[in-house]
Amino acid sequence: MITTTLGILMTAEPALGRLAEQRLAPRHSYGLAKLVEAVRAETARFTAERQKLAEQFGTAREATAEERATLGARVITVPPEHMAPFAAGVSELAAIPVTLPAPPFDLAWCNGDAITARDILDLGPLVTFTPEEAPHG
């Protein structure tokens, strides 16, 4: 099990997705898939709650054609006078502790060339590294 916060999971999710694109042994792939599912469930909750905060403090408007392509038909803008309480709400949300029902993924199971130092930092408590023992001579 992994204990962390919603904010850390939001930072880790993109890097976790890149890690999940690697070819792994079936056993390791299965474990990573369970971790990805657990993280996505929590980040979906974060996103839904952040959306509620945006709706509470922001103003909705019709999206431009360009915005519609990535954001959907409606855009919510939080005006400067409401930015402080909106940001405080998002910060409070990001600090919520979360316990994932999956163990950390061991980076020793993947191709080290396929993961960047930035991704390792972003993955934080979702990964561990257990180097193989050197043969004794």
C-alpha atoms as a PDB file:
ATOM      1  CA  MET A   1       0.000   0.000   0.000  1.00  0.00           C
ATOM      2  CA  ILE A   2       1.101   3.560  -0.700  1.00  0.00           C
ATOM      3  CA  THR A   3       0.190   6.546   1.447  1.00  0.00           C
ATOM      4  CA  THR A   4       0.476   9.912  -0.295  1.00  0.00           C
ATOM      5  CA  THR A   5      -1.673  12.947  -1.177  1.00  0.00           C
ATOM      6  CA  LEU A   6      -3.989  13.808  -4.050  1.00  0.00           C
ATOM      7  CA  GLY A   7      -1.593  16.538  -5.186  1.00  0.00           C
ATOM      8  CA  ILE A   8       1.297  14.110  -5.481  1.00  0.00           C
ATOM      9  CA  LEU A   9      -0.893  11.738  -7.480  1.00  0.00           C
ATOM     10  CA  MET A  10      -1.846  14.552  -9.864  1.00  0.00           C
ATOM     11  CA  THR A  11       1.848  15.256 -10.444  1.00  0.00           C
ATOM     12  CA  ALA A  12       2.689  11.565 -10.819  1.00  0.00           C
ATOM     13  CA  GLU A  13      -0.102  10.512 -13.184  1.00  0.00           C
ATOM     14  CA  PRO A  14       1.482  11.652 -16.493  1.00  0.00           C
ATOM     15  CA  ALA A  15       4.828  10.017 -15.617  1.00  0.00           C
ATOM     16  CA  LEU A  16       3.009   6.860 -14.534  1.00  0.00           C
ATOM     17  CA  GLY A  17       1.307   6.759 -17.925  1.00  0.00           C
ATOM     18  CA  ARG A  18       4.673   6.962 -19.688  1.00  0.00           C
ATOM     19  CA  LEU A  19       6.015   4.171 -17.477  1.00  0.00           C
ATOM     20  CA  ALA A  20       2.982   2.029 -18.324  1.00  0.00           C
ATOM     21  CA  GLU A  21       3.849   2.246 -22.043  1.00  0.00           C
ATOM     22  CA  GLN A  22       6.936   0.076 -21.522  1.00  0.00           C
ATOM     23  CA  ARG A  23       7.021  -3.612 -22.328  1.00  0.00           C
ATOM     24  CA  LEU A  24       7.299  -5.525 -19.075  1.00  0.00           C
ATOM     25  CA  ALA A  25       7.132  -9.110 -17.933  1.00  0.00           C
ATOM     26  CA  PRO A  26       3.459 -10.082 -17.489  1.00  0.00           C
ATOM     27  CA  ARG A  27       3.701 -10.185 -13.691  1.00  0.00           C
ATOM     28  CA  HIS A  28       5.183  -6.682 -13.532  1.00  0.00           C
ATOM     29  CA  SER A  29       2.811  -5.349 -16.173  1.00  0.00           C
ATOM     30  CA  TYR A  30      -0.138  -6.608 -14.117  1.00  0.00           C
ATOM     31  CA  GLY A  31       1.153  -4.944 -10.948  1.00  0.00           C
ATOM     32  CA  LEU A  32       1.745  -1.681 -12.765  1.00  0.00           C
ATOM     33  CA  ALA A  33      -1.747  -1.809 -14.303  1.00  0.00           C
ATOM     34  CA  LYS A  34      -3.273  -2.151 -10.828  1.00  0.00           C
ATOM     35  CA  LEU A  35      -1.269   0.856  -9.637  1.00  0.00           C
ATOM     36  CA  VAL A  36      -2.318   2.912 -12.679  1.00  0.00           C
ATOM     37  CA  GLU A  37      -5.995   2.059 -12.076  1.00  0.00           C
ATOM     38  CA  ALA A  38      -5.761   3.074  -8.416  1.00  0.00           C
ATOM     39  CA  VAL A  39      -4.078   6.378  -9.268  1.00  0.00           C
ATOM     40  CA  ARG A  40      -6.580   7.182 -12.039  1.00  0.00           C
ATOM     41  CA  ALA A  41      -9.513   6.566  -9.707  1.00  0.00           C
ATOM     42  CA  GLU A  42      -8.126   9.064  -7.192  1.00  0.00           C
ATOM     43  CA  THR A  43      -7.108  11.687  -9.767  1.00  0.00           C
ATOM     44  CA  ALA A  44     -10.579  11.487 -11.329  1.00  0.00           C
ATOM     45  CA  ARG A  45     -12.037  12.386  -7.922  1.00  0.00           C
ATOM     46  CA  PHE A  46      -9.564  15.277  -7.599  1.00  0.00           C
ATOM     47  CA  THR A  47     -10.507  16.557 -11.058  1.00  0.00           C
ATOM     48  CA  ALA A  48     -14.232  16.368 -10.286  1.00  0.00           C
ATOM     49  CA  GLU A  49     -13.793  18.257  -7.011  1.00  0.00           C
ATOM     50  CA  ARG A  50     -11.565  20.877  -8.661  1.00  0.00           C
ATOM     51  CA  GLN A  51     -14.269  21.336 -11.296  1.00  0.00           C
ATOM     52  CA  LYS A  52     -16.821  21.986  -8.542  1.00  0.00           C
ATOM     53  CA  LEU A  53     -14.511  24.646  -7.101  1.00  0.00           C
ATOM     54  CA  ALA A  54     -14.125  26.239 -10.533  1.00  0.00           C
ATOM     55  CA  GLU A  55     -17.904  26.337 -10.920  1.00  0.00           C
ATOM     56  CA  GLN A  56     -18.297  27.811  -7.440  1.00  0.00           C
ATOM     57  CA  PHE A  57     -15.736  30.594  -7.913  1.00  0.00           C
ATOM     58  CA  GLY A  58     -15.726  31.033 -11.685  1.00  0.00           C
ATOM     59  CA  THR A  59     -17.909  32.156 -14.525  1.00  0.00           C
ATOM     60  CA  ALA A  60     -18.890  29.833 -17.373  1.00  0.00           C
ATOM     61  CA  ARG A  61     -18.855  30.942 -20.993  1.00  0.00           C
ATOM     62  CA  GLU A  62     -19.151  29.361 -24.421  1.00  0.00           C
ATOM     63  CA  ALA A  63     -15.806  28.044 -25.661  1.00  0.00           C
ATOM     64  CA  THR A  64     -14.177  29.431 -28.772  1.00  0.00           C
ATOM     65  CA  ALA A  65     -13.644  27.034 -31.677  1.00  0.00           C
ATOM     66  CA  GLU A  66     -10.010  26.602 -30.661  1.00  0.00           C
ATOM     67  CA  GLU A  67     -10.872  25.962 -26.993  1.00  0.00           C
ATOM     68  CA  ARG A  68     -13.651  23.545 -27.920  1.00  0.00           C
ATOM     69  CA  ALA A  69     -11.104  21.184 -29.491  1.00  0.00           C
ATOM     70  CA  THR A  70      -9.393  20.562 -26.149  1.00  0.00           C
ATOM     71  CA  LEU A  71     -11.673  21.893 -23.404  1.00  0.00           C
ATOM     72  CA  GLY A  72     -15.203  21.109 -24.565  1.00  0.00           C
ATOM     73  CA  ALA A  73     -18.168  23.365 -25.242  1.00  0.00           C
ATOM     74  CA  ARG A  74     -17.930  25.345 -22.008  1.00  0.00           C
ATOM     75  CA  VAL A  75     -15.011  27.126 -20.344  1.00  0.00           C
ATOM     76  CA  ILE A  76     -14.955  28.348 -16.758  1.00  0.00           C
ATOM     77  CA  THR A  77     -12.825  31.378 -15.944  1.00  0.00           C
ATOM     78  CA  VAL A  78     -12.018  32.244 -12.340  1.00  0.00           C
ATOM     79  CA  PRO A  79     -11.804  36.052 -12.035  1.00  0.00           C
ATOM     80  CA  PRO A  80      -8.901  37.612 -10.106  1.00  0.00           C
ATOM     81  CA  GLU A  81     -11.112  38.578  -7.158  1.00  0.00           C
ATOM     82  CA  HIS A  82     -12.029  34.896  -6.617  1.00  0.00           C
ATOM     83  CA  MET A  83      -8.623  33.401  -7.391  1.00  0.00           C
ATOM     84  CA  ALA A  84      -7.415  33.339  -3.754  1.00  0.00           C
ATOM     85  CA  PRO A  85     -10.333  31.282  -2.400  1.00  0.00           C
ATOM     86  CA  PHE A  86     -10.249  29.038  -5.497  1.00  0.00           C
ATOM     87  CA  ALA A  87      -6.499  28.425  -5.068  1.00  0.00           C
ATOM     88  CA  ALA A  88      -6.976  27.784  -1.339  1.00  0.00           C
ATOM     89  CA  GLY A  89      -9.653  25.198  -2.126  1.00  0.00           C
ATOM     90  CA  VAL A  90      -7.424  23.462  -4.688  1.00  0.00           C
ATOM     91  CA  SER A  91      -4.513  23.474  -2.218  1.00  0.00           C
ATOM     92  CA  GLU A  92      -6.720  21.954   0.469  1.00  0.00           C
ATOM     93  CA  LEU A  93      -7.869  19.318  -2.003  1.00  0.00           C
ATOM     94  CA  ALA A  94      -4.275  18.531  -3.060  1.00  0.00           C
ATOM     95  CA  ALA A  95      -3.266  18.008   0.596  1.00  0.00           C
ATOM     96  CA  ILE A  96      -5.881  15.288   1.209  1.00  0.00           C
ATOM     97  CA  PRO A  97      -4.131  12.060   2.240  1.00  0.00           C
ATOM     98  CA  VAL A  98      -4.758   8.992   0.107  1.00  0.00           C
ATOM     99  CA  THR A  99      -3.849   5.349   0.629  1.00  0.00           C
ATOM    100  CA  LEU A 100      -3.621   3.307  -2.553  1.00  0.00           C
ATOM    101  CA  PRO A 101      -4.369  -0.433  -2.360  1.00  0.00           C
ATOM    102  CA  ALA A 102      -1.310  -1.270  -4.469  1.00  0.00           C
ATOM    103  CA  PRO A 103       2.397  -1.570  -3.700  1.00  0.00           C
ATOM    104  CA  PRO A 104       4.954   0.780  -5.263  1.00  0.00           C
ATOM    105  CA  PHE A 105       6.311  -0.246  -8.652  1.00  0.00           C
ATOM    106  CA  ASP A 106       9.939  -1.390  -8.540  1.00  0.00           C
ATOM    107  CA  LEU A 107      11.942   0.441 -11.201  1.00  0.00           C
ATOM    108  CA  ALA A 108      14.365  -2.499 -11.342  1.00  0.00           C
ATOM    109  CA  TRP A 109      11.652  -4.304 -13.352  1.00  0.00           C
ATOM    110  CA  CYS A 110      11.783  -1.907 -16.296  1.00  0.00           C
ATOM    111  CA  ASN A 111      14.218  -0.647 -18.887  1.00  0.00           C
ATOM    112  CA  GLY A 112      16.116   2.109 -17.112  1.00  0.00           C
ATOM    113  CA  ASP A 113      16.800   3.883 -20.410  1.00  0.00           C
ATOM    114  CA  ALA A 114      13.075   4.442 -20.884  1.00  0.00           C
ATOM    115  CA  ILE A 115      12.505   6.554 -17.756  1.00  0.00           C
ATOM    116  CA  THR A 116      13.836  10.024 -17.088  1.00  0.00           C
ATOM    117  CA  ALA A 117      15.077  11.485 -13.832  1.00  0.00           C
ATOM    118  CA  ARG A 118      12.172  13.976 -14.028  1.00  0.00           C
ATOM    119  CA  ASP A 119       9.698  11.097 -14.189  1.00  0.00           C
ATOM    120  CA  ILE A 120      11.321   9.399 -11.203  1.00  0.00           C
ATOM    121  CA  LEU A 121      10.981  12.622  -9.207  1.00  0.00           C
ATOM    122  CA  ASP A 122       7.357  13.058 -10.303  1.00  0.00           C
ATOM    123  CA  LEU A 123       6.497   9.441  -9.459  1.00  0.00           C
ATOM    124  CA  GLY A 124       7.719   9.943  -5.889  1.00  0.00           C
ATOM    125  CA  PRO A 125       6.200   7.360  -3.521  1.00  0.00           C
ATOM    126  CA  LEU A 126       4.669   5.343  -6.381  1.00  0.00           C
ATOM    127  CA  VAL A 127       8.022   3.780  -7.213  1.00  0.00           C
ATOM    128  CA  THR A 128      10.881   2.111  -5.470  1.00  0.00           C
ATOM    129  CA  PHE A 129      14.184   0.684  -6.644  1.00  0.00           C
ATOM    130  CA  THR A 130      15.660  -2.611  -5.504  1.00  0.00           C
ATOM    131  CA  PRO A 131      18.962  -3.131  -7.318  1.00  0.00           C
ATOM    132  CA  GLU A 132      19.914  -6.691  -8.101  1.00  0.00           C
ATOM    133  CA  GLU A 133      22.585  -8.142  -5.904  1.00  0.00           C
ATOM    134  CA  ALA A 134      26.033  -8.140  -7.480  1.00  0.00           C
ATOM    135  CA  PRO A 135      27.465 -11.642  -7.825  1.00  0.00           C
ATOM    136  CA  HIS A 136      29.980 -12.500  -5.138  1.00  0.00           C
ATOM    137  CA  GLY A 137      33.344 -13.563  -6.512  1.00  0.00           C
END
